[in-house]
Amino acid sequence: MGGTRWPRIFGFRVVTSWPEDGFSRPPTPVSLRARLAGVAGVLLIVGGIVAVSTTFLLQQHAPQPSAAARGDIGPDGSGPWLPRSVPVSMDIPAIGVTSNLLDLGLDADGSIQVPSLVTSAGEAAWYKYSVTPGQIGTSVIEGHVDSYQGPAVFFRLGALQPGDTIDVTLADGTMAIFRVTGVRQYLKTNFPSDAIYGATHYAALRLITCGGVFDYATGHYLSSTVVFASLTSSRSASTA
């Protein structure tokens, strides 16, 4: 046995044994039920491999902010501003987003509510305890990056660049026009809440979604993508 050279297939050693008398014994008859069970087992294994492979091949990955898009959090000056008016919809031409805006507050644990993944993955939501878009201060709009069915409303948020525009239509008929100043990604364990939610001396807008690596163990993304924007002008929504 020590001098025997075993053949290898795809790098694995194949060990085959024969009876001591040098002759192969006839195979034990296999029942039809056993054969069918074996075939079914093989089909299940092959089907599972195909399903998993297809899932990985079809999985879409959201764009992540580039280093060049980091930009600035906001302008140096105060800039224009608008009176309070609840936002009703928004458009982001650069990434093809058009969405009605939900009004959401806080969950029982004090965290910001998010749109339902089942019924509202395609809609963004304004955080109703922030200022309305265009007021002096920080207005916050959030949305999902993906859902159980695929890409959600803010799937391409990380692809925005400084200079892109965000148009928010308000209930009073005004369209507030914001310009993106920077797009950044933060680990959720090191999220700069003060810089993102804190008060400002200009009309600021923050768009927030999930990003970075997806943790399959917890079912959550490890980072957040944040778009920083400031109000540059406004006009009547009916003439936009």
C-alpha atoms as a PDB file:
ATOM      1  CA  MET A   1       0.000   0.000   0.000  1.00  0.00           C
ATOM      2  CA  GLY A   2       2.824   2.451   0.841  1.00  0.00           C
ATOM      3  CA  GLY A   3       4.143   2.355  -2.730  1.00  0.00           C
ATOM      4  CA  THR A   4       0.785   2.612  -4.408  1.00  0.00           C
ATOM      5  CA  ARG A   5       0.231   5.727  -6.557  1.00  0.00           C
ATOM      6  CA  TRP A   6      -3.337   6.882  -6.292  1.00  0.00           C
ATOM      7  CA  PRO A   7      -4.717   8.837  -9.263  1.00  0.00           C
ATOM      8  CA  ARG A   8      -5.804  12.467  -8.779  1.00  0.00           C
ATOM      9  CA  ILE A   9      -8.803  14.235 -10.354  1.00  0.00           C
ATOM     10  CA  PHE A  10      -9.063  18.058 -10.073  1.00  0.00           C
ATOM     11  CA  GLY A  11      -6.418  17.921  -7.323  1.00  0.00           C
ATOM     12  CA  PHE A  12      -8.253  15.356  -5.160  1.00  0.00           C
ATOM     13  CA  ARG A  13      -6.757  11.907  -4.477  1.00  0.00           C
ATOM     14  CA  VAL A  14      -9.054   9.119  -5.649  1.00  0.00           C
ATOM     15  CA  VAL A  15      -8.826   5.942  -3.579  1.00  0.00           C
ATOM     16  CA  THR A  16     -10.365   2.806  -5.038  1.00  0.00           C
ATOM     17  CA  SER A  17     -10.350  -0.561  -3.232  1.00  0.00           C
ATOM     18  CA  TRP A  18     -10.655  -4.079  -4.521  1.00  0.00           C
ATOM     19  CA  PRO A  19     -11.399  -7.305  -2.625  1.00  0.00           C
ATOM     20  CA  GLU A  20      -8.397  -9.323  -1.489  1.00  0.00           C
ATOM     21  CA  ASP A  21      -9.001 -12.086  -4.045  1.00  0.00           C
ATOM     22  CA  GLY A  22      -8.496  -9.627  -6.888  1.00  0.00           C
ATOM     23  CA  PHE A  23     -11.996 -10.038  -8.294  1.00  0.00           C
ATOM     24  CA  SER A  24     -14.851  -7.602  -8.068  1.00  0.00           C
ATOM     25  CA  ARG A  25     -17.998  -8.816  -6.348  1.00  0.00           C
ATOM     26  CA  PRO A  26     -21.277  -8.351  -8.234  1.00  0.00           C
ATOM     27  CA  PRO A  27     -23.198  -5.224  -7.179  1.00  0.00           C
ATOM     28  CA  THR A  28     -26.123  -5.548  -4.811  1.00  0.00           C
ATOM     29  CA  PRO A  29     -29.409  -4.998  -6.669  1.00  0.00           C
ATOM     30  CA  VAL A  30     -30.864  -1.503  -6.070  1.00  0.00           C
ATOM     31  CA  SER A  31     -34.619  -1.013  -5.863  1.00  0.00           C
ATOM     32  CA  LEU A  32     -36.461   1.391  -8.169  1.00  0.00           C
ATOM     33  CA  ARG A  33     -37.527   3.510  -5.174  1.00  0.00           C
ATOM     34  CA  ALA A  34     -33.910   3.919  -4.089  1.00  0.00           C
ATOM     35  CA  ARG A  35     -32.888   4.930  -7.606  1.00  0.00           C
ATOM     36  CA  LEU A  36     -35.669   7.518  -7.811  1.00  0.00           C
ATOM     37  CA  ALA A  37     -34.707   8.892  -4.401  1.00  0.00           C
ATOM     38  CA  GLY A  38     -31.110   9.217  -5.523  1.00  0.00           C
ATOM     39  CA  VAL A  39     -32.099  11.054  -8.703  1.00  0.00           C
ATOM     40  CA  ALA A  40     -34.365  13.398  -6.717  1.00  0.00           C
ATOM     41  CA  GLY A  41     -31.551  14.144  -4.278  1.00  0.00           C
ATOM     42  CA  VAL A  42     -29.174  15.014  -7.118  1.00  0.00           C
ATOM     43  CA  LEU A  43     -31.789  17.285  -8.707  1.00  0.00           C
ATOM     44  CA  LEU A  44     -32.356  19.092  -5.400  1.00  0.00           C
ATOM     45  CA  ILE A  45     -28.625  19.682  -4.972  1.00  0.00           C
ATOM     46  CA  VAL A  46     -28.216  20.913  -8.557  1.00  0.00           C
ATOM     47  CA  GLY A  47     -31.313  23.108  -8.212  1.00  0.00           C
ATOM     48  CA  GLY A  48     -29.977  24.623  -5.015  1.00  0.00           C
ATOM     49  CA  ILE A  49     -26.612  25.388  -6.620  1.00  0.00           C
ATOM     50  CA  VAL A  50     -28.325  27.013  -9.600  1.00  0.00           C
ATOM     51  CA  ALA A  51     -30.605  29.083  -7.332  1.00  0.00           C
ATOM     52  CA  VAL A  52     -27.721  30.348  -5.195  1.00  0.00           C
ATOM     53  CA  SER A  53     -25.600  31.098  -8.265  1.00  0.00           C
ATOM     54  CA  THR A  54     -28.466  32.978  -9.895  1.00  0.00           C
ATOM     55  CA  THR A  55     -29.033  35.031  -6.738  1.00  0.00           C
ATOM     56  CA  PHE A  56     -25.404  36.160  -6.657  1.00  0.00           C
ATOM     57  CA  LEU A  57     -25.350  36.862 -10.396  1.00  0.00           C
ATOM     58  CA  LEU A  58     -28.540  38.922 -10.293  1.00  0.00           C
ATOM     59  CA  GLN A  59     -27.709  40.797  -7.094  1.00  0.00           C
ATOM     60  CA  GLN A  60     -27.391  44.503  -7.772  1.00  0.00           C
ATOM     61  CA  HIS A  61     -24.993  46.663  -5.825  1.00  0.00           C
ATOM     62  CA  ALA A  62     -25.828  50.294  -5.142  1.00  0.00           C
ATOM     63  CA  PRO A  63     -23.264  52.903  -6.235  1.00  0.00           C
ATOM     64  CA  GLN A  64     -20.987  54.018  -3.423  1.00  0.00           C
ATOM     65  CA  PRO A  65     -19.810  57.639  -3.012  1.00  0.00           C
ATOM     66  CA  SER A  66     -16.489  58.322  -4.689  1.00  0.00           C
ATOM     67  CA  ALA A  67     -13.630  60.146  -2.989  1.00  0.00           C
ATOM     68  CA  ALA A  68     -14.061  62.972  -5.508  1.00  0.00           C
ATOM     69  CA  ALA A  69     -17.689  63.458  -4.405  1.00  0.00           C
ATOM     70  CA  ARG A  70     -16.810  64.056  -0.749  1.00  0.00           C
ATOM     71  CA  GLY A  71     -16.989  67.821  -1.238  1.00  0.00           C
ATOM     72  CA  ASP A  72     -18.187  70.107   1.564  1.00  0.00           C
ATOM     73  CA  ILE A  73     -20.876  69.800   4.219  1.00  0.00           C
ATOM     74  CA  GLY A  74     -22.286  73.215   3.348  1.00  0.00           C
ATOM     75  CA  PRO A  75     -21.611  76.791   2.194  1.00  0.00           C
ATOM     76  CA  ASP A  76     -19.788  79.434   4.181  1.00  0.00           C
ATOM     77  CA  GLY A  77     -22.511  82.070   3.896  1.00  0.00           C
ATOM     78  CA  SER A  78     -26.151  82.062   4.924  1.00  0.00           C
ATOM     79  CA  GLY A  79     -27.773  81.999   1.462  1.00  0.00           C
ATOM     80  CA  PRO A  80     -31.472  82.214   0.534  1.00  0.00           C
ATOM     81  CA  TRP A  81     -34.282  80.761   2.631  1.00  0.00           C
ATOM     82  CA  LEU A  82     -38.028  80.025   2.446  1.00  0.00           C
ATOM     83  CA  PRO A  83     -40.923  80.212   4.932  1.00  0.00           C
ATOM     84  CA  ARG A  84     -42.189  76.994   6.481  1.00  0.00           C
ATOM     85  CA  SER A  85     -44.167  74.751   4.121  1.00  0.00           C
ATOM     86  CA  VAL A  86     -44.439  70.959   4.301  1.00  0.00           C
ATOM     87  CA  PRO A  87     -42.716  69.097   1.423  1.00  0.00           C
ATOM     88  CA  VAL A  88     -44.930  66.933  -0.791  1.00  0.00           C
ATOM     89  CA  SER A  89     -42.577  65.534  -3.453  1.00  0.00           C
ATOM     90  CA  MET A  90     -39.021  65.595  -4.747  1.00  0.00           C
ATOM     91  CA  ASP A  91     -37.072  65.096  -7.966  1.00  0.00           C
ATOM     92  CA  ILE A  92     -33.384  64.294  -8.395  1.00  0.00           C
ATOM     93  CA  PRO A  93     -32.761  64.491 -12.177  1.00  0.00           C
ATOM     94  CA  ALA A  94     -29.165  63.215 -12.105  1.00  0.00           C
ATOM     95  CA  ILE A  95     -30.212  59.781 -10.787  1.00  0.00           C
ATOM     96  CA  GLY A  96     -33.762  59.625 -12.142  1.00  0.00           C
ATOM     97  CA  VAL A  97     -35.582  59.862  -8.811  1.00  0.00           C
ATOM     98  CA  THR A  98     -39.153  61.146  -8.576  1.00  0.00           C
ATOM     99  CA  SER A  99     -40.972  60.479  -5.320  1.00  0.00           C
ATOM    100  CA  ASN A 100     -43.849  61.643  -3.175  1.00  0.00           C
ATOM    101  CA  LEU A 101     -42.675  62.456   0.339  1.00  0.00           C
ATOM    102  CA  LEU A 102     -44.081  60.749   3.419  1.00  0.00           C
ATOM    103  CA  ASP A 103     -44.139  62.531   6.804  1.00  0.00           C
ATOM    104  CA  LEU A 104     -42.512  60.335   9.455  1.00  0.00           C
ATOM    105  CA  GLY A 105     -41.465  60.927  13.051  1.00  0.00           C
ATOM    106  CA  LEU A 106     -39.902  58.692  15.703  1.00  0.00           C
ATOM    107  CA  ASP A 107     -40.268  55.054  16.678  1.00  0.00           C
ATOM    108  CA  ALA A 108     -41.000  54.024  20.256  1.00  0.00           C
ATOM    109  CA  ASP A 109     -37.260  53.575  20.918  1.00  0.00           C
ATOM    110  CA  GLY A 110     -36.517  57.146  19.826  1.00  0.00           C
ATOM    111  CA  SER A 111     -35.002  56.280  16.453  1.00  0.00           C
ATOM    112  CA  ILE A 112     -36.191  57.944  13.247  1.00  0.00           C
ATOM    113  CA  GLN A 113     -39.007  56.062  11.534  1.00  0.00           C
ATOM    114  CA  VAL A 114     -38.315  54.668   8.083  1.00  0.00           C
ATOM    115  CA  PRO A 115     -40.758  53.928   5.249  1.00  0.00           C
ATOM    116  CA  SER A 116     -42.237  50.429   5.149  1.00  0.00           C
ATOM    117  CA  LEU A 117     -40.118  48.031   3.108  1.00  0.00           C
ATOM    118  CA  VAL A 118     -43.305  46.253   2.065  1.00  0.00           C
ATOM    119  CA  THR A 119     -45.511  49.154   0.965  1.00  0.00           C
ATOM    120  CA  SER A 120     -43.274  52.242   0.611  1.00  0.00           C
ATOM    121  CA  ALA A 121     -39.790  51.184  -0.522  1.00  0.00           C
ATOM    122  CA  GLY A 122     -40.242  53.377  -3.610  1.00  0.00           C
ATOM    123  CA  GLU A 123     -40.984  56.520  -1.575  1.00  0.00           C
ATOM    124  CA  ALA A 124     -38.756  58.838   0.424  1.00  0.00           C
ATOM    125  CA  ALA A 125     -39.811  60.390   3.731  1.00  0.00           C
ATOM    126  CA  TRP A 126     -39.291  63.799   5.304  1.00  0.00           C
ATOM    127  CA  TYR A 127     -38.428  63.696   9.014  1.00  0.00           C
ATOM    128  CA  LYS A 128     -41.248  65.853  10.359  1.00  0.00           C
ATOM    129  CA  TYR A 129     -39.315  67.011  13.426  1.00  0.00           C
ATOM    130  CA  SER A 130     -36.721  68.710  11.224  1.00  0.00           C
ATOM    131  CA  VAL A 131     -37.313  72.074   9.532  1.00  0.00           C
ATOM    132  CA  THR A 132     -39.142  72.057   6.223  1.00  0.00           C
ATOM    133  CA  PRO A 133     -36.895  72.188   3.133  1.00  0.00           C
ATOM    134  CA  GLY A 134     -35.819  75.768   2.536  1.00  0.00           C
ATOM    135  CA  GLN A 135     -36.078  76.980   6.128  1.00  0.00           C
ATOM    136  CA  ILE A 136     -32.907  78.000   7.948  1.00  0.00           C
ATOM    137  CA  GLY A 137     -31.697  74.836   9.639  1.00  0.00           C
ATOM    138  CA  THR A 138     -31.339  71.182   8.672  1.00  0.00           C
ATOM    139  CA  SER A 139     -34.126  69.389   6.816  1.00  0.00           C
ATOM    140  CA  VAL A 140     -33.810  65.605   6.648  1.00  0.00           C
ATOM    141  CA  ILE A 141     -35.183  63.262   3.974  1.00  0.00           C
ATOM    142  CA  GLU A 142     -34.525  59.529   4.105  1.00  0.00           C
ATOM    143  CA  GLY A 143     -35.255  56.501   1.975  1.00  0.00           C
ATOM    144  CA  HIS A 144     -34.318  52.857   1.483  1.00  0.00           C
ATOM    145  CA  VAL A 145     -31.478  51.787  -0.776  1.00  0.00           C
ATOM    146  CA  ASP A 146     -33.115  48.445  -1.616  1.00  0.00           C
ATOM    147  CA  SER A 147     -36.016  46.193  -0.667  1.00  0.00           C
ATOM    148  CA  TYR A 148     -37.126  42.577  -0.786  1.00  0.00           C
ATOM    149  CA  GLN A 149     -37.914  43.039  -4.475  1.00  0.00           C
ATOM    150  CA  GLY A 150     -34.786  44.934  -5.558  1.00  0.00           C
ATOM    151  CA  PRO A 151     -33.593  48.566  -5.776  1.00  0.00           C
ATOM    152  CA  ALA A 152     -35.547  51.129  -3.726  1.00  0.00           C
ATOM    153  CA  VAL A 153     -35.997  54.901  -4.058  1.00  0.00           C
ATOM    154  CA  PHE A 154     -32.452  55.897  -2.987  1.00  0.00           C
ATOM    155  CA  PHE A 155     -30.614  53.021  -4.698  1.00  0.00           C
ATOM    156  CA  ARG A 156     -28.472  55.417  -6.749  1.00  0.00           C
ATOM    157  CA  LEU A 157     -28.031  58.098  -4.081  1.00  0.00           C
ATOM    158  CA  GLY A 158     -24.305  57.342  -3.785  1.00  0.00           C
ATOM    159  CA  ALA A 159     -23.833  58.251  -7.455  1.00  0.00           C
ATOM    160  CA  LEU A 160     -24.666  61.934  -6.893  1.00  0.00           C
ATOM    161  CA  GLN A 161     -21.910  64.504  -7.366  1.00  0.00           C
ATOM    162  CA  PRO A 162     -21.386  68.045  -6.063  1.00  0.00           C
ATOM    163  CA  GLY A 163     -23.300  70.416  -8.315  1.00  0.00           C
ATOM    164  CA  ASP A 164     -26.245  68.050  -8.931  1.00  0.00           C
ATOM    165  CA  THR A 165     -29.647  69.477  -8.065  1.00  0.00           C
ATOM    166  CA  ILE A 166     -32.468  68.280  -5.817  1.00  0.00           C
ATOM    167  CA  ASP A 167     -35.902  69.808  -6.426  1.00  0.00           C
ATOM    168  CA  VAL A 168     -38.377  69.677  -3.534  1.00  0.00           C
ATOM    169  CA  THR A 169     -41.994  70.723  -4.124  1.00  0.00           C
ATOM    170  CA  LEU A 170     -43.682  72.295  -1.101  1.00  0.00           C
ATOM    171  CA  ALA A 171     -47.352  72.380  -0.131  1.00  0.00           C
ATOM    172  CA  ASP A 172     -47.578  76.134  -0.849  1.00  0.00           C
ATOM    173  CA  GLY A 173     -46.728  75.556  -4.517  1.00  0.00           C
ATOM    174  CA  THR A 174     -43.062  76.531  -4.272  1.00  0.00           C
ATOM    175  CA  MET A 175     -40.266  74.387  -5.685  1.00  0.00           C
ATOM    176  CA  ALA A 176     -37.147  74.639  -3.529  1.00  0.00           C
ATOM    177  CA  ILE A 177     -33.982  73.998  -5.549  1.00  0.00           C
ATOM    178  CA  PHE A 178     -30.997  72.601  -3.686  1.00  0.00           C
ATOM    179  CA  ARG A 179     -27.450  72.046  -4.922  1.00  0.00           C
ATOM    180  CA  VAL A 180     -25.413  69.057  -3.732  1.00  0.00           C
ATOM    181  CA  THR A 181     -22.221  70.133  -1.957  1.00  0.00           C
ATOM    182  CA  GLY A 182     -20.926  66.725  -0.889  1.00  0.00           C
ATOM    183  CA  VAL A 183     -21.690  63.000  -0.723  1.00  0.00           C
ATOM    184  CA  ARG A 184     -20.145  60.967   2.075  1.00  0.00           C
ATOM    185  CA  GLN A 185     -20.376  57.549   3.705  1.00  0.00           C
ATOM    186  CA  TYR A 186     -20.120  56.887   7.444  1.00  0.00           C
ATOM    187  CA  LEU A 187     -19.967  53.698   9.484  1.00  0.00           C
ATOM    188  CA  LYS A 188     -23.103  53.470  11.604  1.00  0.00           C
ATOM    189  CA  THR A 189     -20.898  52.816  14.618  1.00  0.00           C
ATOM    190  CA  ASN A 190     -19.239  56.209  14.045  1.00  0.00           C
ATOM    191  CA  PHE A 191     -22.147  58.254  12.698  1.00  0.00           C
ATOM    192  CA  PRO A 192     -21.597  62.044  13.181  1.00  0.00           C
ATOM    193  CA  SER A 193     -25.123  62.889  14.315  1.00  0.00           C
ATOM    194  CA  ASP A 194     -24.296  66.466  15.318  1.00  0.00           C
ATOM    195  CA  ALA A 195     -22.824  67.317  11.921  1.00  0.00           C
ATOM    196  CA  ILE A 196     -25.758  65.777  10.065  1.00  0.00           C
ATOM    197  CA  TYR A 197     -28.779  66.656  12.207  1.00  0.00           C
ATOM    198  CA  GLY A 198     -27.407  69.721  14.006  1.00  0.00           C
ATOM    199  CA  ALA A 199     -28.563  73.318  13.487  1.00  0.00           C
ATOM    200  CA  THR A 200     -27.107  75.360  10.619  1.00  0.00           C
ATOM    201  CA  HIS A 201     -27.065  79.048   9.674  1.00  0.00           C
ATOM    202  CA  TYR A 202     -28.309  78.311   6.146  1.00  0.00           C
ATOM    203  CA  ALA A 203     -31.111  76.283   4.509  1.00  0.00           C
ATOM    204  CA  ALA A 204     -29.583  72.789   4.576  1.00  0.00           C
ATOM    205  CA  LEU A 205     -30.903  69.509   3.224  1.00  0.00           C
ATOM    206  CA  ARG A 206     -29.653  66.027   4.097  1.00  0.00           C
ATOM    207  CA  LEU A 207     -30.590  62.905   2.141  1.00  0.00           C
ATOM    208  CA  ILE A 208     -29.813  59.672   3.995  1.00  0.00           C
ATOM    209  CA  THR A 209     -29.875  55.989   3.061  1.00  0.00           C
ATOM    210  CA  CYS A 210     -27.996  52.798   3.908  1.00  0.00           C
ATOM    211  CA  GLY A 211     -24.722  51.920   2.236  1.00  0.00           C
ATOM    212  CA  GLY A 212     -21.417  50.124   2.444  1.00  0.00           C
ATOM    213  CA  VAL A 213     -21.131  46.443   3.313  1.00  0.00           C
ATOM    214  CA  PHE A 214     -24.245  44.358   3.970  1.00  0.00           C
ATOM    215  CA  ASP A 215     -24.012  42.190   7.087  1.00  0.00           C
ATOM    216  CA  TYR A 216     -25.865  38.967   6.301  1.00  0.00           C
ATOM    217  CA  ALA A 217     -25.692  37.915   9.965  1.00  0.00           C
ATOM    218  CA  THR A 218     -27.747  40.898  11.157  1.00  0.00           C
ATOM    219  CA  GLY A 219     -29.581  41.741   7.933  1.00  0.00           C
ATOM    220  CA  HIS A 220     -28.367  45.375   8.019  1.00  0.00           C
ATOM    221  CA  TYR A 221     -25.917  47.587   6.159  1.00  0.00           C
ATOM    222  CA  LEU A 222     -22.902  48.697   8.160  1.00  0.00           C
ATOM    223  CA  SER A 223     -22.762  52.247   6.820  1.00  0.00           C
ATOM    224  CA  SER A 224     -24.948  55.203   5.847  1.00  0.00           C
ATOM    225  CA  THR A 225     -24.698  57.309   2.706  1.00  0.00           C
ATOM    226  CA  VAL A 226     -25.375  61.003   3.322  1.00  0.00           C
ATOM    227  CA  VAL A 227     -25.914  63.703   0.702  1.00  0.00           C
ATOM    228  CA  PHE A 228     -25.290  67.293   1.827  1.00  0.00           C
ATOM    229  CA  ALA A 229     -27.117  70.041  -0.069  1.00  0.00           C
ATOM    230  CA  SER A 230     -28.061  73.697   0.372  1.00  0.00           C
ATOM    231  CA  LEU A 231     -30.813  75.894  -1.023  1.00  0.00           C
ATOM    232  CA  THR A 232     -29.777  77.949  -4.052  1.00  0.00           C
ATOM    233  CA  SER A 233     -33.079  79.243  -5.465  1.00  0.00           C
ATOM    234  CA  SER A 234     -36.818  78.639  -5.752  1.00  0.00           C
ATOM    235  CA  ARG A 235     -39.637  79.055  -8.237  1.00  0.00           C
ATOM    236  CA  SER A 236     -43.298  78.224  -8.679  1.00  0.00           C
ATOM    237  CA  ALA A 237     -43.804  74.480  -9.004  1.00  0.00           C
ATOM    238  CA  SER A 238     -46.455  75.053 -11.682  1.00  0.00           C
ATOM    239  CA  THR A 239     -43.849  76.597 -14.015  1.00  0.00           C
ATOM    240  CA  ALA A 240     -41.098  74.048 -13.328  1.00  0.00           C
END
